[in-house]
Amino acid sequence: MASAAPAESKPPKPSSYTIPVSTGHEDLLHGVAYDFYGQRIATCSSDQRIKVFDATETGEWKENDAWRAHDANISKIAWAHPSFGQIIASCSFDRTVKIFEEQESEPKSSGRRWRRMSRMIGDTRGAICDISFAPAAVGLKLAYISSDGVVQIQEAMETHAVSRWTSVDEFRVVSAAPSRETETSFCLTYCPSRWGGEQLLVGAMDKVRIYRHDSNGKFQPAEELRGHKGLVRDVSWAPNLGRSYHLIATACKDGYVRIFRLTDPRMTFSPTASRPVSRSRHRNFNMDDEKPQQPQPLQPPTSHFSGLAREISNLSVGGGSTSGRGGGMTPGGASGSGLVPGANAGNFSAGGSGIALSIVNSFEKAEDSMGVLTVEEQESRELHGFHVEEIAAFNDHGREVWRVEWNPSGTVLSSAGDDGKIRLWRADRTMRWKCMSVMGSGWKPTRRREDDDDE
């Protein structure tokens, strides 16, 4: 009796952690970008084509449209904030940046669904390496950087018609353009936070700097993130959802993923400097001569408090009045709930006896009139506002690292390198950053933590 044929082995089920997406590109894939809601992705490739995919209810991705967008390799792609519409920007080695807008009246997969609205030609001899949209709070702005180290900022003249753009700033991030034989690396990203003004993070060769506006509204170099021993391939500024500090991640050719923490000393509350003078202090008596002392004038607070006042004065809080209720902001750790919903920003108070915000602003003006801060010192304070600290550095990839990206809450960092793996990093309860999982093509994610501090 013949033995039964062995049953055919079934192909392994795909991992529940990953959903494969067949893009159909005919060449190398250079960029993938999610939209604001995570329901659409756009891809760009060396085949000079852009493709957009929509998420379905079954968790699969269906092609929305595909079209030839450039005349050379497309290096990066980015989505604008949805408040401006469905807008995509792409940059290429053909030295152009193009803006596309979705036309809902056109059928899907027709090649006409996304119309080119604008074409920007970089005032440069090099390819456009990276692009980034500014946060919606500062308007519809786009920054891009070329391979000769020139950053250009473009702004849409009318947000409802994205066909007209104008250059609002241009600056060089290297002293001279690298030679053609030199391997180059340039990248940039906007700070996603709506607080703190317009800030730009730029990686230029082996250096990373933050650029911030000066008194004339032009970008100037501020803090430098040091420690890189190779070309910086990518930079990512984490979204800030309530943290008192910023997080920045970098990917470097030296094989390291680095995480930096940025703290703003201007937001450090100094109780001794900002505590209001109590009434009892105005009626102190000297027991030796039994003569009342002269009341001491209320001293202006330090620049830390002035910086905080400047940040608070930028808030727009509607309706009502604090009337001393609900606690405002309490310097000494007394009870209070910060900004009270319905409070009027002009009546905002600090401390139990209530220093009006108008008085705080007068203190800041007093600093200038007293000569405490010159114009140059004020500008320097604005440009050099962060204390930078490297809090983590990992070489788990073992090879060159090409991409880093934060999740929407800024709590998980992903990195991709030449080892063909995607690694996810997260901080535990003790604020130690660890690799929580590893993913790769055809590989099931592997747990890397020995303990589950986060669970």
Foldseek 3Di string as FASTA:
>chain_A
DDDDDDDDDDDDDDFPVDDDADPPDPAAKQEWEAAPVRQKIWTFFQVQKIWMWGADPVRYTHTQEMARDDDGGWHYKYFDHCVLATKMWTFGQVQKIWIWHADVVDGGHPNPRIDTQEIGHDPDPFGWHEKEFEAPLVAGKMWTAGQQAKIWIKHAPDSNRRNDIDTDAMDGPDPTGDDPVDDWAKYKYWANDPFLATKIWIFTWQWIFIWDQFPVGYTDTFDTDDDGPGGWQYKEWFHADPDQWTWIWTFGQVQKIWIKIKHFLLQDQDCVQPPWDDPVQCADADPPVRDGDHGDDNAQGDSSPLSVLVRLVPDAAAADACPLPQAAAERVPDDHDHDDHRHGSQQGFYHNVTDGSVVNVVSVVVCVVVVVADSVRVRNCSRHRIDMDTDDMDNVLVGGWNDWYADNNRAKIWTDDPSQKIWIWGAAPVRHIDTQWIDGVVDHIDGDDPDCRRD
